[in-house]
Amino acid sequence: MIFDSLEVSYGDMWGPHRGTTHPDPMSRAVAARRHAAGKDYAVLLSARERPLALVEYWPRRMWRVYLFDDRSWRMQMIDLKPHGTGMLLAHRNTRWQFSDEQSHAFSRWDVQETTTVSTDGQVEVRSESAGSRGASTEPPHARTSDPSTVPVRRFAAPVESFLFPLPEFGDWQVFAPLLAQQGHEPATTVVLRDVSVDDGAGPLRATGIEELFRPGACDTPDGPAVVEPVDAGLLRITSGQLVVSDPGWIGKTPRTVAVPPGEFPVTLSVLRTTRGAYVAAAGVTLLDVTPHEWEMALRPDEDLGLLSEGRFYGVGVDTGTVAFMDTTRTVIEDELDEGLFLPLDSHFSVELPGTEFEPNLIAFRAGQGDGAYPVWIGRTEDGRVGRVVVDFQLHSAGGGE
């Protein structure tokens, strides 16, 4: 394919996604802010609505480029890192061969060829095959051949042959020469055309948080359900800092909210469906008044301006469990299974008590399991914290993802 223009769109990093459009698109403005802040994002370069390259910007000015062939199959991955002043070195270039469409869909390559280049121009080419077992069942980066039998070629080459200008945001013509490696020939002049989405409604907004705890029938993506508020006990705060965290990862990535010391009721919103009962949300009530406004609980290094439409910063969950606790509260890891995780198999929540004057911990099941979930702070008109809620997004209170 010969092309003289490229369609440019932006989105979050793709991860294992193997489609031909962004799974999570973002506006050009958000991508530009993420670039300036050194945060990751992805750029899709297409021609005639066919993807040619996916460019990922990584922290520390690293770049990764995936190249697509004429079938829109992702066939090549090139990693680039800073080299000297204002340049990038294509230090690793991986190509795959697939026997059919199904093999490509499941990353079962027949041949993987990886070229690595050192900063002084020493080149190594390593070719691996799936072997007599047929197509590989491992990811593209996994090795399936015995290292001692993998054919390797080594030679020296001018390092300049592997250098590219370090792009400023929007200078995506820099990557156009790479497209020739999959048979896409750029014209002398390549025009970029922005087809990015607009800013839309911005980051996820807190809507209907109070309805999460209102008893009665409601609609969910899985059909009708019933909300049942459940009392989970009193949370004791002594330091003035309430923490929302996975109890298995205390101190790693908590959401912390400044609140007055005291004892405050914890309420669960249990959602009963035809498939089972789940904790849809959990809240700590600090003031018995309806919040005037809601805001997302943020850490100091987080900026709402870097989020695309419907996205959020949230509490990370890796044990299927979330807990409210005081920032001074600690747990003994060896006691978590018996004292917390096993009881949660048969209960919606469990309390790990402290001594008479020390803070306790109240843990509860995290919706339908691991992931990331928004934490909302409800404030009164004069700015005081009246409520803290974690929403597991099982029905339509907040929407988004």
Protein backbone atom coordinates (compact mmCIF):
# COMPACT_ATOMS: atom_id res chain seq x y z
CA MET A 1 0.00 0.00 0.00
CA ILE A 2 1.27 3.47 -0.93
CA PHE A 3 -0.10 6.18 1.34
CA ASP A 4 0.19 9.98 1.39
CA SER A 5 -1.94 10.62 4.50
CA LEU A 6 -2.44 9.04 7.89
CA GLU A 7 -5.54 9.11 10.08
CA VAL A 8 -4.53 9.74 13.71
CA SER A 9 -6.54 8.69 16.76
CA TYR A 10 -5.67 8.35 20.44
CA GLY A 11 -6.52 6.01 23.29
CA ASP A 12 -5.31 4.16 26.34
CA MET A 13 -2.66 1.46 26.10
CA TRP A 14 -4.02 -1.63 24.31
CA GLY A 15 -2.63 -4.43 26.44
CA PRO A 16 -3.84 -7.78 25.00
CA HIS A 17 -6.45 -6.12 22.75
CA ARG A 18 -6.07 -7.38 19.18
CA GLY A 19 -8.74 -5.36 17.42
CA THR A 20 -8.23 -2.67 14.80
CA THR A 21 -9.62 0.35 16.69
CA HIS A 22 -8.99 1.79 20.14
CA PRO A 23 -10.79 -0.15 22.88
CA ASP A 24 -10.65 2.99 25.08
CA PRO A 25 -10.41 6.12 22.87
CA MET A 26 -9.40 9.53 24.20
CA SER A 27 -9.30 13.02 22.78
CA ARG A 28 -6.17 14.59 21.35
CA ALA A 29 -6.22 17.14 24.19
CA VAL A 30 -6.14 14.44 26.88
CA ALA A 31 -3.37 12.56 25.04
CA ALA A 32 -1.33 15.77 24.80
CA ARG A 33 -1.70 16.37 28.53
CA ARG A 34 -0.67 12.78 29.24
CA HIS A 35 2.39 13.20 27.02
CA ALA A 36 3.43 16.39 28.83
CA ALA A 37 2.99 14.65 32.19
CA GLY A 38 5.03 11.61 31.09
CA LYS A 39 1.99 9.31 31.33
CA ASP A 40 1.27 6.46 28.91
CA TYR A 41 -1.14 6.61 25.97
CA ALA A 42 -1.43 5.12 22.48
CA VAL A 43 -1.62 6.56 18.94
CA LEU A 44 -3.21 4.64 16.08
CA LEU A 45 -2.03 5.50 12.56
CA SER A 46 -4.39 4.32 9.82
CA ALA A 47 -4.86 4.78 6.09
CA ARG A 48 -8.22 4.36 4.37
CA GLU A 49 -9.61 3.17 7.71
CA ARG A 50 -7.08 0.32 7.87
CA PRO A 51 -4.62 0.25 10.80
CA LEU A 52 -0.97 0.52 9.82
CA ALA A 53 0.77 1.19 13.15
CA LEU A 54 -0.05 1.44 16.83
CA VAL A 55 2.40 3.69 18.68
CA GLU A 56 2.52 3.41 22.48
CA TYR A 57 4.17 6.09 24.60
CA TRP A 58 5.63 4.67 27.79
CA PRO A 59 7.03 6.50 30.84
CA ARG A 60 10.71 7.49 30.70
CA ARG A 61 10.32 8.45 27.01
CA MET A 62 10.18 4.83 25.83
CA TRP A 63 8.14 4.00 22.72
CA ARG A 64 6.70 0.79 21.30
CA VAL A 65 5.40 0.47 17.73
CA TYR A 66 3.19 -2.37 16.53
CA LEU A 67 2.97 -2.77 12.73
CA PHE A 68 0.00 -4.24 10.84
CA ASP A 69 0.08 -6.00 7.49
CA ASP A 70 -2.44 -5.74 4.61
CA ARG A 71 -4.80 -8.08 6.48
CA SER A 72 -4.78 -5.75 9.52
CA TRP A 73 -2.90 -8.42 11.47
CA ARG A 74 -0.45 -7.17 14.08
CA MET A 75 2.76 -8.76 12.77
CA GLN A 76 5.65 -6.82 14.26
CA MET A 77 6.72 -5.04 17.46
CA ILE A 78 9.52 -2.47 17.65
CA ASP A 79 10.81 -1.09 20.97
CA LEU A 80 12.61 2.26 20.91
CA LYS A 81 14.51 3.96 23.70
CA PRO A 82 16.26 7.35 24.02
CA HIS A 83 19.72 7.45 22.47
CA GLY A 84 21.88 10.54 22.86
CA THR A 85 20.18 13.87 22.39
CA GLY A 86 16.88 13.97 20.56
CA MET A 87 17.07 10.47 19.07
CA LEU A 88 15.49 7.06 19.55
CA LEU A 89 17.23 3.71 19.04
CA ALA A 90 15.15 0.81 17.68
CA HIS A 91 16.87 -1.61 20.04
CA ARG A 92 14.47 -4.54 19.65
CA ASN A 93 12.46 -5.57 16.59
CA THR A 94 10.26 -8.67 16.78
CA ARG A 95 8.45 -10.23 13.81
CA TRP A 96 5.93 -13.07 13.85
CA GLN A 97 4.66 -15.54 11.29
CA PHE A 98 1.23 -17.12 11.75
CA SER A 99 -0.22 -20.07 9.86
CA ASP A 100 -3.83 -18.87 9.85
CA GLU A 101 -6.26 -16.33 11.29
CA GLN A 102 -7.05 -18.40 14.38
CA SER A 103 -3.36 -18.73 15.21
CA HIS A 104 -2.98 -14.97 14.93
CA ALA A 105 -6.05 -14.34 17.11
CA PHE A 106 -4.56 -16.47 19.91
CA SER A 107 -0.92 -15.29 19.44
CA ARG A 108 0.19 -18.80 18.40
CA TRP A 109 3.06 -17.94 16.13
CA ASP A 110 4.92 -20.42 13.93
CA VAL A 111 8.10 -18.35 13.76
CA GLN A 112 9.34 -15.46 15.89
CA GLU A 113 12.39 -13.50 14.76
CA THR A 114 13.88 -10.99 17.20
CA THR A 115 16.57 -8.48 16.25
CA THR A 116 18.34 -6.65 19.07
CA VAL A 117 20.72 -3.73 18.57
CA SER A 118 23.20 -2.42 21.13
CA THR A 119 24.11 1.25 21.48
CA ASP A 120 27.37 0.64 19.57
CA GLY A 121 25.73 -1.13 16.60
CA GLN A 122 26.20 -4.77 17.56
CA VAL A 123 23.26 -6.69 16.05
CA GLU A 124 21.90 -10.08 17.08
CA VAL A 125 19.15 -11.88 15.13
CA ARG A 126 17.47 -14.80 16.87
CA SER A 127 14.91 -16.97 15.06
CA GLU A 128 12.62 -19.31 17.01
CA SER A 129 10.01 -21.77 15.77
CA ALA A 130 7.06 -23.37 17.53
CA GLY A 131 8.65 -26.77 16.88
CA SER A 132 7.10 -30.08 15.96
CA ARG A 133 4.20 -29.48 18.37
CA GLY A 134 2.75 -27.00 15.88
CA ALA A 135 1.78 -23.42 16.60
CA SER A 136 2.85 -22.03 19.96
CA THR A 137 0.25 -21.79 22.71
CA GLU A 138 2.30 -19.17 24.57
CA PRO A 139 2.18 -15.37 24.25
CA PRO A 140 4.29 -13.78 21.49
CA HIS A 141 7.04 -12.81 23.96
CA ALA A 142 7.30 -16.30 25.48
CA ARG A 143 10.05 -18.61 24.28
CA THR A 144 9.04 -22.04 23.07
CA SER A 145 12.37 -23.29 21.73
CA ASP A 146 15.36 -24.60 23.64
CA PRO A 147 17.75 -21.60 23.85
CA SER A 148 20.66 -23.81 22.88
CA THR A 149 19.04 -24.74 19.55
CA VAL A 150 17.77 -21.30 18.50
CA PRO A 151 19.57 -20.06 15.35
CA VAL A 152 21.45 -16.83 16.08
CA ARG A 153 23.26 -14.44 13.74
CA ARG A 154 25.55 -11.68 14.99
CA PHE A 155 27.14 -8.84 13.06
CA ALA A 156 28.07 -5.17 13.32
CA ALA A 157 26.16 -2.37 11.56
CA PRO A 158 26.15 1.44 11.69
CA VAL A 159 24.00 2.37 14.69
CA GLU A 160 22.68 5.32 12.65
CA SER A 161 20.67 2.82 10.60
CA PHE A 162 18.52 2.17 13.67
CA LEU A 163 18.03 5.76 14.86
CA PHE A 164 14.89 7.90 14.60
CA PRO A 165 14.16 11.45 15.76
CA LEU A 166 12.55 11.69 19.19
CA PRO A 167 9.08 13.06 18.37
CA GLU A 168 7.34 15.94 20.01
CA PHE A 169 3.65 15.32 20.56
CA GLY A 170 1.94 15.17 17.16
CA ASP A 171 5.10 14.52 15.10
CA TRP A 172 3.91 11.07 14.07
CA GLN A 173 5.55 11.30 10.62
CA VAL A 174 8.67 10.19 12.50
CA PHE A 175 7.29 6.65 12.52
CA ALA A 176 6.14 6.60 8.87
CA PRO A 177 9.41 5.01 7.57
CA LEU A 178 8.82 2.01 9.84
CA LEU A 179 5.64 1.16 7.95
CA ALA A 180 7.69 0.04 4.94
CA GLN A 181 8.73 -3.01 6.99
CA GLN A 182 5.20 -4.35 6.43
CA GLY A 183 5.01 -3.27 2.79
CA HIS A 184 3.34 0.12 3.33
CA GLU A 185 5.25 2.75 1.34
CA PRO A 186 5.00 6.39 2.43
CA ALA A 187 4.79 9.12 -0.19
CA THR A 188 7.37 11.92 -0.20
CA THR A 189 5.01 13.99 1.94
CA VAL A 190 2.68 12.38 4.47
CA VAL A 191 -0.23 14.46 5.76
CA LEU A 192 -1.67 13.70 9.20
CA ARG A 193 -5.44 13.91 9.69
CA ASP A 194 -6.82 13.97 13.22
CA VAL A 195 -9.87 11.75 13.64
CA SER A 196 -9.71 11.67 17.42
CA VAL A 197 -12.82 11.81 19.58
CA ASP A 198 -13.77 15.04 21.33
CA ASP A 199 -13.47 15.53 25.08
CA GLY A 200 -17.01 14.29 25.67
CA ALA A 201 -18.27 14.33 29.24
CA GLY A 202 -14.80 13.94 30.73
CA PRO A 203 -13.84 11.60 33.57
CA LEU A 204 -16.39 9.44 35.38
CA ARG A 205 -18.82 11.55 37.41
CA ALA A 206 -20.56 10.64 40.64
CA THR A 207 -24.25 10.37 39.84
CA GLY A 208 -26.87 8.54 41.84
CA ILE A 209 -24.54 7.54 44.67
CA GLU A 210 -27.33 7.82 47.25
CA GLU A 211 -29.52 5.54 45.10
CA LEU A 212 -26.94 2.78 45.53
CA PHE A 213 -28.13 2.37 49.13
CA ARG A 214 -31.86 2.92 48.58
CA PRO A 215 -33.69 -0.37 49.30
CA GLY A 216 -35.95 -1.88 46.71
CA ALA A 217 -36.02 -2.97 43.09
CA CYS A 218 -33.53 -1.65 40.53
CA ASP A 219 -32.31 -2.43 37.03
CA THR A 220 -28.85 -3.79 36.28
CA PRO A 221 -27.06 -4.82 33.04
CA ASP A 222 -27.90 -8.41 34.02
CA GLY A 223 -31.59 -7.74 34.59
CA PRO A 224 -33.80 -6.76 37.53
CA ALA A 225 -32.40 -6.91 41.06
CA VAL A 226 -33.14 -5.84 44.62
CA VAL A 227 -31.01 -3.53 46.78
CA GLU A 228 -30.71 -4.39 50.46
CA PRO A 229 -28.74 -2.07 52.81
CA VAL A 230 -26.76 -4.08 55.38
CA ASP A 231 -25.16 -2.74 58.57
CA ALA A 232 -21.48 -3.73 58.71
CA GLY A 233 -20.64 -2.22 62.11
CA LEU A 234 -18.84 0.86 63.44
CA LEU A 235 -15.48 1.94 62.05
CA ARG A 236 -13.14 3.50 64.61
CA ILE A 237 -10.91 6.30 63.29
CA THR A 238 -8.23 7.64 65.66
CA SER A 239 -5.72 9.44 63.43
CA GLY A 240 -8.10 11.55 61.33
CA GLN A 241 -7.17 9.63 58.17
CA LEU A 242 -9.59 7.07 56.72
CA VAL A 243 -8.04 4.58 54.29
CA VAL A 244 -9.76 2.58 51.55
CA SER A 245 -7.54 -0.32 50.48
CA ASP A 246 -7.31 -3.96 49.54
CA PRO A 247 -6.47 -5.47 52.96
CA GLY A 248 -3.90 -7.70 51.30
CA TRP A 249 -2.06 -4.64 49.99
CA ILE A 250 -2.21 -2.18 52.89
CA GLY A 251 0.24 0.67 52.42
CA LYS A 252 0.76 0.00 48.69
CA THR A 253 -1.80 2.14 46.83
CA PRO A 254 -4.40 3.31 49.35
CA ARG A 255 -7.08 5.97 48.92
CA THR A 256 -6.85 8.25 51.97
CA VAL A 257 -9.47 10.76 53.12
CA ALA A 258 -9.08 13.28 55.96
CA VAL A 259 -11.97 12.82 58.42
CA PRO A 260 -12.56 13.64 62.10
CA PRO A 261 -11.67 10.97 64.69
CA GLY A 262 -14.58 8.95 66.02
CA GLU A 263 -16.75 5.91 65.40
CA PHE A 264 -18.83 5.87 62.23
CA PRO A 265 -21.37 3.39 60.79
CA VAL A 266 -20.44 1.34 57.72
CA THR A 267 -23.26 0.32 55.39
CA LEU A 268 -23.14 -2.17 52.54
CA SER A 269 -25.41 -2.06 49.52
CA VAL A 270 -26.12 -5.73 48.82
CA LEU A 271 -27.47 -6.39 45.36
CA ARG A 272 -29.57 -9.55 45.06
CA THR A 273 -29.96 -10.87 41.51
CA THR A 274 -31.03 -14.12 39.91
CA ARG A 275 -27.34 -15.05 39.75
CA GLY A 276 -26.54 -14.38 43.40
CA ALA A 277 -25.94 -11.64 45.96
CA TYR A 278 -23.09 -9.15 45.69
CA VAL A 279 -21.79 -6.11 47.53
CA ALA A 280 -22.54 -3.31 45.06
CA ALA A 281 -21.17 -0.49 47.21
CA ALA A 282 -19.93 0.26 50.71
CA GLY A 283 -20.04 3.55 52.57
CA VAL A 284 -18.89 5.20 55.78
CA THR A 285 -21.29 7.84 57.11
CA LEU A 286 -19.51 10.61 59.00
CA LEU A 287 -22.35 13.16 59.08
CA ASP A 288 -26.05 12.40 59.04
CA VAL A 289 -26.77 14.81 56.18
CA THR A 290 -27.16 14.30 52.45
CA PRO A 291 -23.91 15.35 50.71
CA HIS A 292 -24.11 18.57 48.70
CA GLU A 293 -21.57 17.34 46.13
CA TRP A 294 -19.39 14.34 45.37
CA GLU A 295 -15.76 14.22 44.28
CA MET A 296 -13.37 11.45 43.32
CA ALA A 297 -10.83 10.46 45.98
CA LEU A 298 -7.43 11.27 44.50
CA ARG A 299 -3.84 10.79 45.50
CA PRO A 300 -1.51 13.82 45.26
CA ASP A 301 0.04 12.59 42.00
CA GLU A 302 -3.29 12.13 40.19
CA ASP A 303 -4.83 14.67 37.81
CA LEU A 304 -8.39 14.43 36.51
CA GLY A 305 -7.25 16.27 33.38
CA LEU A 306 -5.31 13.17 32.33
CA LEU A 307 -8.40 10.95 32.25
CA SER A 308 -10.40 10.26 29.11
CA GLU A 309 -14.18 10.05 29.01
CA GLY A 310 -15.72 7.81 31.66
CA ARG A 311 -12.38 6.85 33.23
CA PHE A 312 -11.42 7.14 36.89
CA TYR A 313 -8.70 6.68 39.49
CA GLY A 314 -9.75 4.01 41.95
CA VAL A 315 -8.81 1.55 44.64
CA GLY A 316 -7.00 -1.45 43.20
CA VAL A 317 -8.28 -4.88 44.25
CA ASP A 318 -6.25 -8.08 43.93
CA THR A 319 -7.81 -10.26 46.65
CA GLY A 320 -11.48 -9.69 45.82
CA THR A 321 -11.73 -7.64 49.00
CA VAL A 322 -11.76 -3.98 50.08
CA ALA A 323 -11.51 -2.57 53.59
CA PHE A 324 -12.13 0.68 55.47
CA MET A 325 -9.59 1.38 58.19
CA ASP A 326 -7.57 4.02 59.99
CA THR A 327 -4.23 4.88 58.38
CA THR A 328 -2.42 3.60 61.49
CA ARG A 329 -4.09 0.20 61.33
CA THR A 330 -1.82 -2.72 60.41
CA VAL A 331 -2.53 -6.40 59.83
CA ILE A 332 -0.46 -9.53 60.24
CA GLU A 333 -0.30 -11.09 56.79
CA ASP A 334 -0.30 -14.65 58.15
CA GLU A 335 -3.63 -13.99 59.88
CA LEU A 336 -5.45 -12.65 56.82
CA ASP A 337 -6.61 -16.00 55.44
CA GLU A 338 -8.17 -17.33 58.64
CA GLY A 339 -9.25 -14.02 60.12
CA LEU A 340 -10.57 -12.28 57.01
CA PHE A 341 -10.62 -14.02 53.64
CA LEU A 342 -12.14 -17.33 54.77
CA PRO A 343 -14.95 -15.67 56.79
CA LEU A 344 -15.81 -13.58 53.72
CA ASP A 345 -16.67 -16.79 51.86
CA SER A 346 -19.86 -16.95 53.93
CA HIS A 347 -20.35 -13.31 54.99
CA PHE A 348 -20.59 -10.02 53.13
CA SER A 349 -18.27 -8.27 55.61
CA VAL A 350 -16.00 -9.03 58.52
CA GLU A 351 -14.43 -6.89 61.25
CA LEU A 352 -10.87 -7.24 62.50
CA PRO A 353 -11.17 -5.55 65.91
CA GLY A 354 -8.53 -3.48 67.57
CA THR A 355 -8.09 -3.02 71.31
CA GLU A 356 -10.51 -0.81 73.22
CA PHE A 357 -8.93 2.43 72.03
CA GLU A 358 -7.19 1.28 68.84
CA PRO A 359 -8.70 1.37 65.34
CA ASN A 360 -10.45 -1.63 63.87
CA LEU A 361 -10.78 -2.72 60.24
CA ILE A 362 -13.97 -3.54 58.35
CA ALA A 363 -13.51 -5.56 55.17
CA PHE A 364 -16.10 -6.59 52.59
CA ARG A 365 -16.37 -8.40 49.32
CA ALA A 366 -15.49 -6.31 46.25
CA GLY A 367 -18.47 -6.61 43.92
CA GLN A 368 -17.75 -9.46 41.54
CA GLY A 369 -13.99 -9.58 42.17
CA ASP A 370 -10.66 -8.00 41.34
CA GLY A 371 -10.21 -4.78 39.42
CA ALA A 372 -10.24 -1.05 40.15
CA TYR A 373 -13.19 0.80 41.63
CA PRO A 374 -13.94 4.51 42.17
CA VAL A 375 -14.00 5.95 45.67
CA TRP A 376 -16.27 8.97 46.16
CA ILE A 377 -16.17 11.66 48.84
CA GLY A 378 -19.49 13.32 49.64
CA ARG A 379 -19.10 16.84 51.05
CA THR A 380 -21.48 19.22 52.77
CA GLU A 381 -22.04 22.78 51.53
CA ASP A 382 -19.29 24.01 53.87
CA GLY A 383 -16.80 21.40 52.56
CA ARG A 384 -16.89 18.87 55.39
CA VAL A 385 -16.68 15.16 54.55
CA GLY A 386 -20.08 13.62 55.16
CA ARG A 387 -19.67 10.26 53.47
CA VAL A 388 -17.07 8.06 51.77
CA VAL A 389 -18.32 5.44 49.30
CA VAL A 390 -16.63 2.81 47.14
CA ASP A 391 -18.80 1.86 44.15
CA PHE A 392 -18.34 -1.60 42.62
CA GLN A 393 -20.32 -0.53 39.54
CA LEU A 394 -22.81 -3.37 39.43
CA HIS A 395 -25.67 -1.09 38.47
CA SER A 396 -26.17 2.32 37.00
CA ALA A 397 -25.42 4.74 39.81
CA GLY A 398 -22.22 6.03 38.25
CA GLY A 399 -21.97 4.39 34.85
CA GLY A 400 -18.56 4.35 33.19
CA GLU A 401 -16.05 1.61 33.74
